[in-house]
Amino acid sequence: MKYQIAILAENKPGVLTHVSGLISRRDFNIETINAGYTEENDVTRINIVVNAYDKMELNKVIHQMAKLIDVIKIVNISELPSVSRELILVKVKADSAQGRADVVNIANIFRAHIVDVGHQNLVVELTGEEDKLAALTDMLSCYEIIEIARTGPIALSRGIIPIKNM
């Protein structure tokens, strides 16, 4: 089963390496991992999606991560009401005017944005849940997909309480 974990950590070199190393040593597969700044300059938020078969083992890893000196807070977002989004960029071959128009129409159906246009390709940007992104790539697969880049999901819990206060 996939679990989405949100980690607040001090913004210091090596924190991401320590967290990912601890997870991989416990034999969990990290599906996605991303990190970025938060509303506090000295705090980084790390979002991780792991595939774990045993929730008890996952909880042990979470408790071990909480003991890392630079980790401030860890929350299993999967267990909370939350909002989750992922970003995808898809470069599609479209070397004719009709091909470009078709890709633009597909992008409009998904409320995606065309962020780059060339004579032979388009780059489509879409933000949404995993199934929406999968549907877009499925529709674009009729054309030649040259390249895909994805962020992996990021999430915030619903309500007024931030994870640092949970």
C-alpha atoms as a PDB file:
ATOM      1  CA  MET A   1       0.000   0.000   0.000  1.00  0.00           C
ATOM      2  CA  LYS A   2       1.187   3.526  -0.720  1.00  0.00           C
ATOM      3  CA  TYR A   3       1.606   5.981   2.130  1.00  0.00           C
ATOM      4  CA  GLN A   4       2.299   9.688   1.843  1.00  0.00           C
ATOM      5  CA  ILE A   5       4.560  11.063   4.564  1.00  0.00           C
ATOM      6  CA  ALA A   6       5.201  14.757   5.259  1.00  0.00           C
ATOM      7  CA  ILE A   7       8.397  15.621   7.131  1.00  0.00           C
ATOM      8  CA  LEU A   8       9.413  18.997   8.490  1.00  0.00           C
ATOM      9  CA  ALA A   9      13.163  19.235   8.965  1.00  0.00           C
ATOM     10  CA  GLU A  10      15.782  21.868   9.591  1.00  0.00           C
ATOM     11  CA  ASN A  11      17.033  23.346   6.345  1.00  0.00           C
ATOM     12  CA  LYS A  12      20.541  21.887   6.530  1.00  0.00           C
ATOM     13  CA  PRO A  13      22.749  19.958   4.099  1.00  0.00           C
ATOM     14  CA  GLY A  14      22.394  16.181   4.302  1.00  0.00           C
ATOM     15  CA  VAL A  15      18.916  16.000   5.858  1.00  0.00           C
ATOM     16  CA  LEU A  16      17.309  14.559   2.739  1.00  0.00           C
ATOM     17  CA  THR A  17      20.087  11.974   2.475  1.00  0.00           C
ATOM     18  CA  HIS A  18      19.629  10.886   6.098  1.00  0.00           C
ATOM     19  CA  VAL A  19      15.851  10.543   5.723  1.00  0.00           C
ATOM     20  CA  SER A  20      15.969   8.645   2.424  1.00  0.00           C
ATOM     21  CA  GLY A  21      18.808   6.444   3.695  1.00  0.00           C
ATOM     22  CA  LEU A  22      16.850   5.435   6.772  1.00  0.00           C
ATOM     23  CA  ILE A  23      13.827   4.531   4.647  1.00  0.00           C
ATOM     24  CA  SER A  24      15.821   2.506   2.123  1.00  0.00           C
ATOM     25  CA  ARG A  25      17.747   0.656   4.866  1.00  0.00           C
ATOM     26  CA  ARG A  26      14.385  -0.592   6.147  1.00  0.00           C
ATOM     27  CA  ASP A  27      13.725  -2.019   2.677  1.00  0.00           C
ATOM     28  CA  PHE A  28      10.901   0.326   1.704  1.00  0.00           C
ATOM     29  CA  ASN A  29      10.624   1.462  -1.877  1.00  0.00           C
ATOM     30  CA  ILE A  30      10.471   5.249  -2.183  1.00  0.00           C
ATOM     31  CA  GLU A  31       7.975   5.904  -4.981  1.00  0.00           C
ATOM     32  CA  THR A  32       8.516   9.682  -4.980  1.00  0.00           C
ATOM     33  CA  ILE A  33      10.430  12.181  -2.902  1.00  0.00           C
ATOM     34  CA  ASN A  34      10.596  15.943  -3.110  1.00  0.00           C
ATOM     35  CA  ALA A  35      11.676  18.727  -0.837  1.00  0.00           C
ATOM     36  CA  GLY A  36      11.133  22.463  -0.723  1.00  0.00           C
ATOM     37  CA  TYR A  37      10.993  25.568   1.389  1.00  0.00           C
ATOM     38  CA  THR A  38       8.135  26.273   3.771  1.00  0.00           C
ATOM     39  CA  GLU A  39       6.673  29.409   5.292  1.00  0.00           C
ATOM     40  CA  GLU A  40       9.688  29.397   7.633  1.00  0.00           C
ATOM     41  CA  ASN A  41      13.085  30.007   5.974  1.00  0.00           C
ATOM     42  CA  ASP A  42      14.950  27.545   8.176  1.00  0.00           C
ATOM     43  CA  VAL A  43      12.487  24.658   7.669  1.00  0.00           C
ATOM     44  CA  THR A  44      12.268  22.280   4.703  1.00  0.00           C
ATOM     45  CA  ARG A  45       9.229  20.144   3.960  1.00  0.00           C
ATOM     46  CA  ILE A  46       9.992  16.702   2.545  1.00  0.00           C
ATOM     47  CA  ASN A  47       7.147  14.804   0.881  1.00  0.00           C
ATOM     48  CA  ILE A  48       7.670  11.076   0.455  1.00  0.00           C
ATOM     49  CA  VAL A  49       5.434   8.390  -1.001  1.00  0.00           C
ATOM     50  CA  VAL A  50       6.514   4.921   0.085  1.00  0.00           C
ATOM     51  CA  ASN A  51       5.182   1.519  -0.794  1.00  0.00           C
ATOM     52  CA  ALA A  52       4.887  -0.482   2.433  1.00  0.00           C
ATOM     53  CA  TYR A  53       3.207  -3.825   2.963  1.00  0.00           C
ATOM     54  CA  ASP A  54       3.205  -3.602   6.746  1.00  0.00           C
ATOM     55  CA  LYS A  55       1.807  -0.511   8.496  1.00  0.00           C
ATOM     56  CA  MET A  56       3.440  -1.493  11.806  1.00  0.00           C
ATOM     57  CA  GLU A  57       6.842  -1.544  10.114  1.00  0.00           C
ATOM     58  CA  LEU A  58       6.098   1.842   8.521  1.00  0.00           C
ATOM     59  CA  ASN A  59       5.271   3.260  11.951  1.00  0.00           C
ATOM     60  CA  LYS A  60       8.613   1.978  13.280  1.00  0.00           C
ATOM     61  CA  VAL A  61      10.407   3.812  10.454  1.00  0.00           C
ATOM     62  CA  ILE A  62       8.446   6.990  11.200  1.00  0.00           C
ATOM     63  CA  HIS A  63       9.460   6.779  14.867  1.00  0.00           C
ATOM     64  CA  GLN A  64      13.115   6.230  13.888  1.00  0.00           C
ATOM     65  CA  MET A  65      12.993   9.235  11.528  1.00  0.00           C
ATOM     66  CA  ALA A  66      11.554  11.337  14.329  1.00  0.00           C
ATOM     67  CA  LYS A  67      14.725  10.600  16.318  1.00  0.00           C
ATOM     68  CA  LEU A  68      16.965  12.117  13.619  1.00  0.00           C
ATOM     69  CA  ILE A  69      18.429  15.299  15.045  1.00  0.00           C
ATOM     70  CA  ASP A  70      17.324  17.601  12.204  1.00  0.00           C
ATOM     71  CA  VAL A  71      13.745  16.266  11.929  1.00  0.00           C
ATOM     72  CA  ILE A  72      11.148  18.531  13.517  1.00  0.00           C
ATOM     73  CA  LYS A  73       7.891  16.707  12.756  1.00  0.00           C
ATOM     74  CA  ILE A  74       6.625  13.702  10.765  1.00  0.00           C
ATOM     75  CA  VAL A  75       3.003  13.084   9.811  1.00  0.00           C
ATOM     76  CA  ASN A  76       1.448  10.278   7.803  1.00  0.00           C
ATOM     77  CA  ILE A  77      -0.714  12.449   5.541  1.00  0.00           C
ATOM     78  CA  SER A  78      -2.420   9.307   4.190  1.00  0.00           C
ATOM     79  CA  GLU A  79      -4.287   8.991   7.492  1.00  0.00           C
ATOM     80  CA  LEU A  80      -5.653  12.557   7.409  1.00  0.00           C
ATOM     81  CA  PRO A  81      -8.174  14.423   5.310  1.00  0.00           C
ATOM     82  CA  SER A  82      -5.866  16.185   2.863  1.00  0.00           C
ATOM     83  CA  VAL A  83      -5.422  17.891  -0.480  1.00  0.00           C
ATOM     84  CA  SER A  84      -2.844  16.280  -2.740  1.00  0.00           C
ATOM     85  CA  ARG A  85      -1.530  17.461  -6.110  1.00  0.00           C
ATOM     86  CA  GLU A  86       1.196  16.509  -8.544  1.00  0.00           C
ATOM     87  CA  LEU A  87       2.753  18.401 -11.450  1.00  0.00           C
ATOM     88  CA  ILE A  88       3.588  16.834 -14.810  1.00  0.00           C
ATOM     89  CA  LEU A  89       5.314  18.251 -17.862  1.00  0.00           C
ATOM     90  CA  VAL A  90       4.854  16.298 -21.094  1.00  0.00           C
ATOM     91  CA  LYS A  91       6.806  17.025 -24.275  1.00  0.00           C
ATOM     92  CA  VAL A  92       4.820  15.787 -27.254  1.00  0.00           C
ATOM     93  CA  LYS A  93       5.908  15.530 -30.872  1.00  0.00           C
ATOM     94  CA  ALA A  94       3.563  17.599 -33.042  1.00  0.00           C
ATOM     95  CA  ASP A  95       5.255  18.401 -36.325  1.00  0.00           C
ATOM     96  CA  SER A  96       2.161  19.563 -38.204  1.00  0.00           C
ATOM     97  CA  ALA A  97      -0.324  22.364 -37.614  1.00  0.00           C
ATOM     98  CA  GLN A  98      -3.123  19.795 -37.245  1.00  0.00           C
ATOM     99  CA  GLY A  99      -1.090  17.757 -34.732  1.00  0.00           C
ATOM    100  CA  ARG A 100      -0.390  20.859 -32.638  1.00  0.00           C
ATOM    101  CA  ALA A 101      -4.082  21.827 -32.753  1.00  0.00           C
ATOM    102  CA  ASP A 102      -5.089  18.320 -31.617  1.00  0.00           C
ATOM    103  CA  VAL A 103      -2.678  18.416 -28.669  1.00  0.00           C
ATOM    104  CA  VAL A 104      -3.914  21.908 -27.714  1.00  0.00           C
ATOM    105  CA  ASN A 105      -7.506  20.619 -27.760  1.00  0.00           C
ATOM    106  CA  ILE A 106      -6.611  17.678 -25.526  1.00  0.00           C
ATOM    107  CA  ALA A 107      -4.795  20.059 -23.144  1.00  0.00           C
ATOM    108  CA  ASN A 108      -7.862  22.315 -23.000  1.00  0.00           C
ATOM    109  CA  ILE A 109     -10.126  19.385 -22.113  1.00  0.00           C
ATOM    110  CA  PHE A 110      -7.898  18.645 -19.088  1.00  0.00           C
ATOM    111  CA  ARG A 111      -7.451  22.354 -18.239  1.00  0.00           C
ATOM    112  CA  ALA A 112      -3.741  21.879 -18.855  1.00  0.00           C
ATOM    113  CA  HIS A 113      -1.449  24.648 -20.081  1.00  0.00           C
ATOM    114  CA  ILE A 114       0.759  24.744 -23.121  1.00  0.00           C
ATOM    115  CA  VAL A 115       4.018  26.142 -21.702  1.00  0.00           C
ATOM    116  CA  ASP A 116       6.264  25.809 -24.743  1.00  0.00           C
ATOM    117  CA  VAL A 117       5.662  25.579 -28.481  1.00  0.00           C
ATOM    118  CA  GLY A 118       8.177  24.624 -31.140  1.00  0.00           C
ATOM    119  CA  HIS A 119       7.910  23.768 -34.810  1.00  0.00           C
ATOM    120  CA  GLN A 120       7.963  20.056 -34.008  1.00  0.00           C
ATOM    121  CA  ASN A 121       6.765  19.780 -30.415  1.00  0.00           C
ATOM    122  CA  LEU A 122       4.650  21.160 -27.564  1.00  0.00           C
ATOM    123  CA  VAL A 123       5.161  21.032 -23.812  1.00  0.00           C
ATOM    124  CA  VAL A 124       1.989  20.497 -21.775  1.00  0.00           C
ATOM    125  CA  GLU A 125       1.792  21.279 -18.040  1.00  0.00           C
ATOM    126  CA  LEU A 126      -0.877  19.808 -15.775  1.00  0.00           C
ATOM    127  CA  THR A 127      -1.427  19.872 -12.038  1.00  0.00           C
ATOM    128  CA  GLY A 128      -3.840  17.459 -10.413  1.00  0.00           C
ATOM    129  CA  GLU A 129      -4.334  14.096  -8.818  1.00  0.00           C
ATOM    130  CA  GLU A 130      -2.540  11.011 -10.117  1.00  0.00           C
ATOM    131  CA  ASP A 131      -5.524   9.646 -12.058  1.00  0.00           C
ATOM    132  CA  LYS A 132      -6.013  12.932 -13.928  1.00  0.00           C
ATOM    133  CA  LEU A 133      -2.341  12.986 -14.929  1.00  0.00           C
ATOM    134  CA  ALA A 134      -2.568   9.357 -16.039  1.00  0.00           C
ATOM    135  CA  ALA A 135      -5.619  10.160 -18.174  1.00  0.00           C
ATOM    136  CA  LEU A 136      -3.762  13.026 -19.865  1.00  0.00           C
ATOM    137  CA  THR A 137      -0.722  10.880 -20.662  1.00  0.00           C
ATOM    138  CA  ASP A 138      -3.046   8.161 -21.965  1.00  0.00           C
ATOM    139  CA  MET A 139      -4.697  10.634 -24.347  1.00  0.00           C
ATOM    140  CA  LEU A 140      -1.345  12.043 -25.447  1.00  0.00           C
ATOM    141  CA  SER A 141       0.061   8.564 -26.061  1.00  0.00           C
ATOM    142  CA  CYS A 142      -1.664   8.631 -29.453  1.00  0.00           C
ATOM    143  CA  TYR A 143       1.026  11.158 -30.326  1.00  0.00           C
ATOM    144  CA  GLU A 144       4.708  10.584 -29.777  1.00  0.00           C
ATOM    145  CA  ILE A 145       5.562  11.460 -26.170  1.00  0.00           C
ATOM    146  CA  ILE A 146       9.168  12.606 -26.260  1.00  0.00           C
ATOM    147  CA  GLU A 147       9.718  13.191 -22.562  1.00  0.00           C
ATOM    148  CA  ILE A 148       7.876  13.310 -19.226  1.00  0.00           C
ATOM    149  CA  ALA A 149       8.866  14.943 -15.932  1.00  0.00           C
ATOM    150  CA  ARG A 150       6.767  14.555 -12.757  1.00  0.00           C
ATOM    151  CA  THR A 151       7.125  16.012  -9.289  1.00  0.00           C
ATOM    152  CA  GLY A 152       5.417  13.320  -7.300  1.00  0.00           C
ATOM    153  CA  PRO A 153       2.553  14.319  -5.035  1.00  0.00           C
ATOM    154  CA  ILE A 154       2.685  17.025  -2.420  1.00  0.00           C
ATOM    155  CA  ALA A 155      -0.076  17.372   0.145  1.00  0.00           C
ATOM    156  CA  LEU A 156      -1.469  19.577   2.873  1.00  0.00           C
ATOM    157  CA  SER A 157      -3.862  18.468   5.560  1.00  0.00           C
ATOM    158  CA  ARG A 158      -7.316  20.010   5.487  1.00  0.00           C
ATOM    159  CA  GLY A 159      -8.334  22.433   8.196  1.00  0.00           C
ATOM    160  CA  ILE A 160      -6.578  25.216  10.049  1.00  0.00           C
ATOM    161  CA  ILE A 161      -4.012  23.182  12.008  1.00  0.00           C
ATOM    162  CA  PRO A 162      -0.605  22.911  10.271  1.00  0.00           C
ATOM    163  CA  ILE A 163       1.340  19.651  10.592  1.00  0.00           C
ATOM    164  CA  LYS A 164       3.931  21.327  12.819  1.00  0.00           C
ATOM    165  CA  ASN A 165       1.192  21.594  15.472  1.00  0.00           C
ATOM    166  CA  MET A 166      -0.222  18.068  15.105  1.00  0.00           C
END
